[in-house]
Amino acid sequence: MNIEDVKTIDEKDVVAIIEKELRYISGIIKQKGREILSNYKITPPQFIALQWLFEEGDMTIGELSTKMYLAFSTTTDLVDRMEKNSLVKRVKDPNDRRVVRIHLLEEGERIIDECIKKRQLYLKDVLGNFSNEEVEFFKNNLLKLHQDMRKE
């Protein structure tokens, strides 16, 4: 075995460890998010839909379906339930009356804002074990990773 083989194995091990840890971290955050959601009358898919509307603004059911990787009919049912619970409402697009957009209502905004803030508090507590420099380094590397992944 030459030095190039050792380097390749080490790089594969590091990538495998990074992938595994990101998967585990994602799972823990998702589980914590579900615990937080248990205090609200929304489901995890509704949370995801509300989050997209909160971050991106009004969108059509088709756009929301694409963002959530759900069938159009599934998204329609999801929006129906959220509309029934006064979290969102359907509104005609002022530029094209044939287009209907999903608009986040005050109650939906309140719920998503509270849930995200509680998730952030959880993460802040965990990061309390890190120095300010470690947190800054971690943040910068996550931003770089996310930016590079979005280019793909």
N, C-alpha and C. Protein backbone atom coordinates (compact mmCIF):
# COMPACT_ATOMS: atom_id res chain seq x y z
N MET A 1 0.85 -1.18 0.00
CA MET A 1 0.00 0.00 0.00
C MET A 1 0.89 1.24 0.00
N ASN A 2 0.63 2.18 -0.92
CA ASN A 2 1.44 3.39 -0.95
C ASN A 2 0.72 4.54 -0.25
N ILE A 3 1.40 5.67 -0.16
CA ILE A 3 0.87 6.83 0.56
C ILE A 3 -0.45 7.33 -0.03
N GLU A 4 -0.62 7.25 -1.36
CA GLU A 4 -1.87 7.69 -2.00
C GLU A 4 -3.04 6.83 -1.55
N ASP A 5 -2.82 5.51 -1.40
CA ASP A 5 -3.88 4.62 -0.93
C ASP A 5 -4.29 4.97 0.49
N VAL A 6 -3.32 5.27 1.35
CA VAL A 6 -3.60 5.62 2.75
C VAL A 6 -4.40 6.92 2.80
N LYS A 7 -3.99 7.90 1.98
CA LYS A 7 -4.69 9.18 1.94
C LYS A 7 -6.14 8.99 1.50
N THR A 8 -6.36 8.17 0.48
CA THR A 8 -7.71 7.92 -0.03
C THR A 8 -8.57 7.25 1.04
N ILE A 9 -8.02 6.28 1.74
CA ILE A 9 -8.77 5.60 2.81
C ILE A 9 -9.12 6.58 3.92
N ASP A 10 -8.15 7.39 4.32
CA ASP A 10 -8.39 8.37 5.39
C ASP A 10 -9.48 9.36 4.97
N GLU A 11 -9.42 9.85 3.72
CA GLU A 11 -10.43 10.79 3.25
C GLU A 11 -11.81 10.13 3.23
N LYS A 12 -11.88 8.87 2.82
CA LYS A 12 -13.16 8.15 2.81
C LYS A 12 -13.69 8.00 4.23
N ASP A 13 -12.80 7.69 5.17
CA ASP A 13 -13.22 7.56 6.56
C ASP A 13 -13.76 8.87 7.10
N VAL A 14 -13.07 9.97 6.80
CA VAL A 14 -13.50 11.28 7.27
C VAL A 14 -14.86 11.64 6.68
N VAL A 15 -15.02 11.42 5.39
CA VAL A 15 -16.30 11.72 4.73
C VAL A 15 -17.40 10.85 5.32
N ALA A 16 -17.12 9.58 5.57
CA ALA A 16 -18.11 8.68 6.17
C ALA A 16 -18.51 9.16 7.56
N ILE A 17 -17.55 9.60 8.33
CA ILE A 17 -17.83 10.11 9.68
C ILE A 17 -18.66 11.39 9.60
N ILE A 18 -18.29 12.31 8.71
CA ILE A 18 -19.04 13.56 8.56
C ILE A 18 -20.48 13.27 8.15
N GLU A 19 -20.66 12.39 7.15
CA GLU A 19 -22.02 12.05 6.69
C GLU A 19 -22.83 11.45 7.82
N LYS A 20 -22.23 10.54 8.55
CA LYS A 20 -22.93 9.86 9.65
C LYS A 20 -23.31 10.86 10.75
N GLU A 21 -22.39 11.72 11.12
CA GLU A 21 -22.67 12.69 12.18
C GLU A 21 -23.74 13.69 11.76
N LEU A 22 -23.67 14.16 10.50
CA LEU A 22 -24.71 15.08 10.00
C LEU A 22 -26.08 14.40 10.01
N ARG A 23 -26.12 13.14 9.64
CA ARG A 23 -27.38 12.38 9.65
C ARG A 23 -27.92 12.26 11.08
N TYR A 24 -27.04 11.93 12.03
CA TYR A 24 -27.46 11.80 13.42
C TYR A 24 -27.92 13.15 14.00
N ILE A 25 -27.16 14.21 13.70
CA ILE A 25 -27.52 15.55 14.18
C ILE A 25 -28.87 15.95 13.61
N SER A 26 -29.07 15.72 12.32
CA SER A 26 -30.35 16.04 11.68
C SER A 26 -31.49 15.29 12.36
N GLY A 27 -31.27 14.02 12.66
CA GLY A 27 -32.28 13.21 13.34
C GLY A 27 -32.62 13.74 14.72
N ILE A 28 -31.59 14.16 15.47
CA ILE A 28 -31.81 14.69 16.81
C ILE A 28 -32.59 16.00 16.75
N ILE A 29 -32.21 16.87 15.82
CA ILE A 29 -32.92 18.15 15.67
C ILE A 29 -34.37 17.89 15.25
N LYS A 30 -34.56 16.94 14.34
CA LYS A 30 -35.92 16.61 13.90
C LYS A 30 -36.75 16.09 15.08
N GLN A 31 -36.16 15.21 15.89
CA GLN A 31 -36.86 14.66 17.05
C GLN A 31 -37.19 15.76 18.05
N LYS A 32 -36.24 16.65 18.31
CA LYS A 32 -36.48 17.76 19.23
C LYS A 32 -37.59 18.65 18.68
N GLY A 33 -37.58 18.87 17.36
CA GLY A 33 -38.63 19.65 16.72
C GLY A 33 -40.00 19.02 16.90
N ARG A 34 -40.04 17.69 16.80
CA ARG A 34 -41.33 17.00 16.98
C ARG A 34 -41.82 17.10 18.42
N GLU A 35 -40.88 17.07 19.37
CA GLU A 35 -41.26 17.26 20.78
C GLU A 35 -41.87 18.64 20.97
N ILE A 36 -41.25 19.65 20.36
CA ILE A 36 -41.76 21.02 20.45
C ILE A 36 -43.15 21.09 19.80
N LEU A 37 -43.29 20.45 18.64
CA LEU A 37 -44.57 20.47 17.91
C LEU A 37 -45.70 19.81 18.69
N SER A 38 -45.37 18.89 19.59
CA SER A 38 -46.41 18.19 20.33
C SER A 38 -47.23 19.16 21.19
N ASN A 39 -46.71 20.35 21.43
CA ASN A 39 -47.44 21.37 22.19
C ASN A 39 -48.37 22.22 21.30
N TYR A 40 -48.37 21.93 20.01
CA TYR A 40 -49.18 22.69 19.06
C TYR A 40 -50.09 21.73 18.30
N LYS A 41 -51.10 22.28 17.68
CA LYS A 41 -52.06 21.45 16.94
C LYS A 41 -51.70 21.41 15.45
N ILE A 42 -50.43 21.14 15.16
CA ILE A 42 -50.01 20.97 13.77
C ILE A 42 -49.15 19.71 13.66
N THR A 43 -49.14 19.16 12.47
CA THR A 43 -48.35 17.95 12.20
C THR A 43 -46.98 18.35 11.66
N PRO A 44 -46.01 17.43 11.68
CA PRO A 44 -44.70 17.76 11.09
C PRO A 44 -44.77 18.23 9.63
N PRO A 45 -45.59 17.60 8.75
CA PRO A 45 -45.68 18.15 7.39
C PRO A 45 -46.27 19.57 7.35
N GLN A 46 -47.22 19.85 8.24
CA GLN A 46 -47.77 21.20 8.30
C GLN A 46 -46.70 22.19 8.75
N PHE A 47 -45.86 21.76 9.70
CA PHE A 47 -44.75 22.61 10.15
C PHE A 47 -43.84 22.95 8.97
N ILE A 48 -43.51 21.95 8.18
CA ILE A 48 -42.62 22.17 7.03
C ILE A 48 -43.26 23.14 6.04
N ALA A 49 -44.55 22.96 5.78
CA ALA A 49 -45.27 23.86 4.86
C ALA A 49 -45.29 25.29 5.42
N LEU A 50 -45.61 25.42 6.69
CA LEU A 50 -45.63 26.75 7.31
C LEU A 50 -44.25 27.40 7.28
N GLN A 51 -43.23 26.58 7.50
CA GLN A 51 -41.85 27.09 7.48
C GLN A 51 -41.50 27.65 6.09
N TRP A 52 -41.88 26.91 5.03
CA TRP A 52 -41.62 27.40 3.68
C TRP A 52 -42.34 28.71 3.43
N LEU A 53 -43.60 28.81 3.84
CA LEU A 53 -44.38 30.03 3.64
C LEU A 53 -43.81 31.19 4.47
N PHE A 54 -43.35 30.88 5.67
CA PHE A 54 -42.75 31.87 6.57
C PHE A 54 -41.48 32.45 5.95
N GLU A 55 -40.66 31.57 5.38
CA GLU A 55 -39.36 31.99 4.85
C GLU A 55 -39.44 32.55 3.43
N GLU A 56 -40.36 32.02 2.60
CA GLU A 56 -40.38 32.39 1.18
C GLU A 56 -41.56 33.28 0.80
N GLY A 57 -42.57 33.36 1.67
CA GLY A 57 -43.75 34.15 1.34
C GLY A 57 -44.78 33.33 0.59
N ASP A 58 -45.82 33.99 0.11
CA ASP A 58 -46.93 33.32 -0.58
C ASP A 58 -46.41 32.50 -1.75
N MET A 59 -47.03 31.33 -1.95
CA MET A 59 -46.70 30.49 -3.10
C MET A 59 -47.91 29.67 -3.49
N THR A 60 -47.87 29.15 -4.70
CA THR A 60 -48.96 28.30 -5.18
C THR A 60 -48.82 26.91 -4.56
N ILE A 61 -49.87 26.12 -4.67
CA ILE A 61 -49.81 24.75 -4.18
C ILE A 61 -48.74 23.97 -4.96
N GLY A 62 -48.64 24.23 -6.25
CA GLY A 62 -47.61 23.58 -7.06
C GLY A 62 -46.21 23.89 -6.58
N GLU A 63 -45.96 25.16 -6.26
CA GLU A 63 -44.64 25.56 -5.76
C GLU A 63 -44.36 24.92 -4.40
N LEU A 64 -45.37 24.91 -3.54
CA LEU A 64 -45.22 24.29 -2.22
C LEU A 64 -45.00 22.78 -2.36
N SER A 65 -45.71 22.14 -3.27
CA SER A 65 -45.54 20.71 -3.53
C SER A 65 -44.10 20.40 -3.91
N THR A 66 -43.55 21.22 -4.79
CA THR A 66 -42.17 21.02 -5.25
C THR A 66 -41.20 21.19 -4.10
N LYS A 67 -41.37 22.23 -3.29
CA LYS A 67 -40.48 22.49 -2.15
C LYS A 67 -40.51 21.33 -1.15
N MET A 68 -41.69 20.74 -0.97
CA MET A 68 -41.86 19.70 0.05
C MET A 68 -41.68 18.29 -0.50
N TYR A 69 -41.48 18.17 -1.81
CA TYR A 69 -41.35 16.86 -2.45
C TYR A 69 -42.59 16.00 -2.19
N LEU A 70 -43.76 16.63 -2.33
CA LEU A 70 -45.03 15.92 -2.13
C LEU A 70 -45.85 16.00 -3.41
N ALA A 71 -46.76 15.05 -3.57
CA ALA A 71 -47.69 15.09 -4.70
C ALA A 71 -48.61 16.30 -4.54
N PHE A 72 -49.05 16.83 -5.65
CA PHE A 72 -49.94 17.99 -5.66
C PHE A 72 -51.19 17.71 -4.81
N SER A 73 -51.77 16.51 -4.96
CA SER A 73 -52.99 16.17 -4.22
C SER A 73 -52.73 16.11 -2.71
N THR A 74 -51.57 15.61 -2.32
CA THR A 74 -51.21 15.55 -0.90
C THR A 74 -51.07 16.95 -0.32
N THR A 75 -50.44 17.82 -1.10
CA THR A 75 -50.25 19.21 -0.66
C THR A 75 -51.59 19.93 -0.58
N THR A 76 -52.48 19.65 -1.51
CA THR A 76 -53.82 20.25 -1.48
C THR A 76 -54.54 19.86 -0.19
N ASP A 77 -54.49 18.57 0.17
CA ASP A 77 -55.12 18.11 1.42
C ASP A 77 -54.49 18.79 2.63
N LEU A 78 -53.17 18.93 2.62
CA LEU A 78 -52.43 19.57 3.70
C LEU A 78 -52.89 21.03 3.86
N VAL A 79 -52.98 21.75 2.74
CA VAL A 79 -53.41 23.14 2.76
C VAL A 79 -54.87 23.24 3.21
N ASP A 80 -55.72 22.32 2.78
CA ASP A 80 -57.12 22.30 3.22
C ASP A 80 -57.20 22.25 4.74
N ARG A 81 -56.43 21.35 5.34
CA ARG A 81 -56.45 21.21 6.81
C ARG A 81 -55.90 22.46 7.50
N MET A 82 -54.84 23.03 6.94
CA MET A 82 -54.27 24.24 7.55
C MET A 82 -55.22 25.43 7.40
N GLU A 83 -55.94 25.48 6.28
CA GLU A 83 -56.91 26.56 6.08
C GLU A 83 -58.08 26.40 7.06
N LYS A 84 -58.50 25.18 7.28
CA LYS A 84 -59.58 24.89 8.22
C LYS A 84 -59.21 25.33 9.64
N ASN A 85 -57.90 25.24 9.96
CA ASN A 85 -57.41 25.62 11.29
C ASN A 85 -56.93 27.08 11.34
N SER A 86 -57.26 27.86 10.32
CA SER A 86 -56.93 29.29 10.26
C SER A 86 -55.43 29.58 10.34
N LEU A 87 -54.63 28.69 9.73
CA LEU A 87 -53.18 28.90 9.69
C LEU A 87 -52.77 29.58 8.38
N VAL A 88 -53.51 29.28 7.32
CA VAL A 88 -53.25 29.85 5.99
C VAL A 88 -54.58 30.16 5.33
N LYS A 89 -54.51 30.93 4.24
CA LYS A 89 -55.71 31.12 3.43
C LYS A 89 -55.28 31.19 1.96
N ARG A 90 -56.21 30.79 1.12
CA ARG A 90 -55.99 30.89 -0.33
C ARG A 90 -56.36 32.29 -0.77
N VAL A 91 -55.50 32.90 -1.56
CA VAL A 91 -55.79 34.24 -2.08
C VAL A 91 -55.50 34.27 -3.59
N LYS A 92 -56.31 35.02 -4.30
CA LYS A 92 -56.10 35.19 -5.74
C LYS A 92 -54.88 36.08 -5.95
N ASP A 93 -54.05 35.70 -6.90
CA ASP A 93 -52.88 36.51 -7.26
C ASP A 93 -53.39 37.80 -7.89
N PRO A 94 -52.96 38.97 -7.38
CA PRO A 94 -53.46 40.23 -7.93
C PRO A 94 -53.06 40.45 -9.40
N ASN A 95 -51.98 39.82 -9.84
CA ASN A 95 -51.51 39.98 -11.21
C ASN A 95 -52.15 39.01 -12.19
N ASP A 96 -52.68 37.90 -11.65
CA ASP A 96 -53.30 36.89 -12.51
C ASP A 96 -54.38 36.19 -11.69
N ARG A 97 -55.61 36.55 -11.88
CA ARG A 97 -56.72 36.06 -11.06
C ARG A 97 -56.92 34.55 -11.18
N ARG A 98 -56.31 33.93 -12.20
CA ARG A 98 -56.42 32.47 -12.34
C ARG A 98 -55.52 31.74 -11.35
N VAL A 99 -54.52 32.44 -10.84
CA VAL A 99 -53.53 31.85 -9.94
C VAL A 99 -53.96 32.05 -8.49
N VAL A 100 -53.91 30.97 -7.72
CA VAL A 100 -54.25 31.02 -6.30
C VAL A 100 -52.98 30.77 -5.50
N ARG A 101 -52.71 31.66 -4.56
CA ARG A 101 -51.54 31.54 -3.71
C ARG A 101 -51.96 31.20 -2.28
N ILE A 102 -51.06 30.52 -1.60
CA ILE A 102 -51.29 30.19 -0.19
C ILE A 102 -50.62 31.28 0.64
N HIS A 103 -51.40 31.90 1.50
CA HIS A 103 -50.92 33.01 2.32
C HIS A 103 -50.90 32.59 3.79
N LEU A 104 -49.80 32.83 4.45
CA LEU A 104 -49.65 32.51 5.87
C LEU A 104 -50.41 33.53 6.71
N LEU A 105 -51.30 33.04 7.57
CA LEU A 105 -52.06 33.91 8.45
C LEU A 105 -51.31 34.13 9.77
N GLU A 106 -51.79 35.07 10.56
CA GLU A 106 -51.13 35.46 11.81
C GLU A 106 -50.90 34.26 12.74
N GLU A 107 -51.91 33.40 12.88
CA GLU A 107 -51.77 32.24 13.77
C GLU A 107 -50.70 31.28 13.27
N GLY A 108 -50.65 31.04 11.97
CA GLY A 108 -49.61 30.19 11.40
C GLY A 108 -48.24 30.79 11.60
N GLU A 109 -48.14 32.10 11.43
CA GLU A 109 -46.87 32.80 11.63
C GLU A 109 -46.43 32.72 13.09
N ARG A 110 -47.38 32.89 14.01
CA ARG A 110 -47.07 32.82 15.44
C ARG A 110 -46.52 31.44 15.81
N ILE A 111 -47.19 30.40 15.33
CA ILE A 111 -46.78 29.04 15.66
C ILE A 111 -45.39 28.74 15.10
N ILE A 112 -45.15 29.07 13.84
CA ILE A 112 -43.86 28.76 13.23
C ILE A 112 -42.76 29.56 13.90
N ASP A 113 -43.02 30.81 14.22
CA ASP A 113 -42.03 31.66 14.89
C ASP A 113 -41.67 31.09 16.26
N GLU A 114 -42.69 30.70 17.03
CA GLU A 114 -42.44 30.13 18.36
C GLU A 114 -41.65 28.82 18.27
N CYS A 115 -42.04 27.94 17.34
CA CYS A 115 -41.36 26.65 17.20
C CYS A 115 -39.90 26.84 16.81
N ILE A 116 -39.64 27.73 15.86
CA ILE A 116 -38.26 27.96 15.42
C ILE A 116 -37.44 28.55 16.56
N LYS A 117 -38.02 29.48 17.31
CA LYS A 117 -37.29 30.08 18.44
C LYS A 117 -36.97 29.03 19.50
N LYS A 118 -37.90 28.11 19.76
CA LYS A 118 -37.64 27.04 20.74
C LYS A 118 -36.56 26.10 20.25
N ARG A 119 -36.53 25.80 18.95
CA ARG A 119 -35.47 24.96 18.38
C ARG A 119 -34.12 25.67 18.50
N GLN A 120 -34.12 26.97 18.26
CA GLN A 120 -32.89 27.74 18.37
C GLN A 120 -32.38 27.79 19.80
N LEU A 121 -33.30 27.90 20.76
CA LEU A 121 -32.90 27.88 22.18
C LEU A 121 -32.27 26.54 22.54
N TYR A 122 -32.84 25.46 22.04
CA TYR A 122 -32.27 24.13 22.27
C TYR A 122 -30.84 24.07 21.73
N LEU A 123 -30.65 24.53 20.50
CA LEU A 123 -29.32 24.51 19.89
C LEU A 123 -28.35 25.43 20.64
N LYS A 124 -28.84 26.57 21.07
CA LYS A 124 -28.01 27.50 21.85
C LYS A 124 -27.52 26.83 23.13
N ASP A 125 -28.39 26.09 23.79
CA ASP A 125 -28.00 25.36 25.01
C ASP A 125 -26.90 24.36 24.71
N VAL A 126 -27.06 23.61 23.63
CA VAL A 126 -26.05 22.61 23.26
C VAL A 126 -24.73 23.30 22.93
N LEU A 127 -24.80 24.41 22.21
CA LEU A 127 -23.59 25.12 21.82
C LEU A 127 -22.93 25.84 22.99
N GLY A 128 -23.59 25.86 24.13
CA GLY A 128 -23.01 26.44 25.33
C GLY A 128 -21.72 25.74 25.75
N ASN A 129 -21.51 24.52 25.28
CA ASN A 129 -20.30 23.76 25.58
C ASN A 129 -19.14 24.11 24.65
N PHE A 130 -19.39 25.01 23.69
CA PHE A 130 -18.39 25.41 22.70
C PHE A 130 -17.90 26.82 23.02
N SER A 131 -16.65 27.11 22.66
CA SER A 131 -16.15 28.47 22.80
C SER A 131 -16.76 29.33 21.70
N ASN A 132 -16.68 30.64 21.85
CA ASN A 132 -17.19 31.56 20.82
C ASN A 132 -16.47 31.32 19.50
N GLU A 133 -15.17 31.06 19.57
CA GLU A 133 -14.39 30.81 18.35
C GLU A 133 -14.85 29.52 17.67
N GLU A 134 -15.13 28.48 18.45
CA GLU A 134 -15.61 27.22 17.88
C GLU A 134 -16.97 27.40 17.21
N VAL A 135 -17.84 28.16 17.87
CA VAL A 135 -19.18 28.41 17.29
C VAL A 135 -19.05 29.18 15.98
N GLU A 136 -18.21 30.20 15.96
CA GLU A 136 -18.01 31.01 14.75
C GLU A 136 -17.42 30.16 13.62
N PHE A 137 -16.43 29.32 13.95
CA PHE A 137 -15.80 28.43 12.97
C PHE A 137 -16.83 27.44 12.42
N PHE A 138 -17.63 26.88 13.31
CA PHE A 138 -18.66 25.92 12.94
C PHE A 138 -19.69 26.58 12.02
N LYS A 139 -20.15 27.76 12.40
CA LYS A 139 -21.13 28.50 11.59
C LYS A 139 -20.58 28.78 10.20
N ASN A 140 -19.36 29.27 10.12
CA ASN A 140 -18.76 29.59 8.82
C ASN A 140 -18.63 28.36 7.94
N ASN A 141 -18.26 27.24 8.52
CA ASN A 141 -18.11 26.01 7.74
C ASN A 141 -19.46 25.45 7.31
N LEU A 142 -20.48 25.57 8.15
CA LEU A 142 -21.82 25.14 7.75
C LEU A 142 -22.33 26.00 6.60
N LEU A 143 -22.12 27.32 6.69
CA LEU A 143 -22.54 28.21 5.61
C LEU A 143 -21.84 27.85 4.30
N LYS A 144 -20.53 27.57 4.39
CA LYS A 144 -19.76 27.21 3.19
C LYS A 144 -20.27 25.88 2.62
N LEU A 145 -20.50 24.89 3.48
CA LEU A 145 -21.01 23.59 3.04
C LEU A 145 -22.36 23.76 2.35
N HIS A 146 -23.26 24.51 2.97
CA HIS A 146 -24.58 24.72 2.41
C HIS A 146 -24.49 25.44 1.05
N GLN A 147 -23.66 26.46 0.98
CA GLN A 147 -23.49 27.22 -0.27
C GLN A 147 -22.96 26.32 -1.36
N ASP A 148 -21.96 25.49 -1.05
CA ASP A 148 -21.39 24.58 -2.06
C ASP A 148 -22.39 23.53 -2.50
N MET A 149 -23.22 23.06 -1.58
CA MET A 149 -24.23 22.05 -1.91
C MET A 149 -25.31 22.65 -2.80
N ARG A 150 -25.64 23.91 -2.62
CA ARG A 150 -26.68 24.57 -3.42
C ARG A 150 -26.21 24.77 -4.86
N LYS A 151 -24.90 24.81 -5.08
CA LYS A 151 -24.34 24.96 -6.43
C LYS A 151 -24.54 23.70 -7.25
N GLU A 152 -24.61 22.57 -6.57
CA GLU A 152 -24.69 21.26 -7.25
C GLU A 152 -25.96 21.14 -8.05
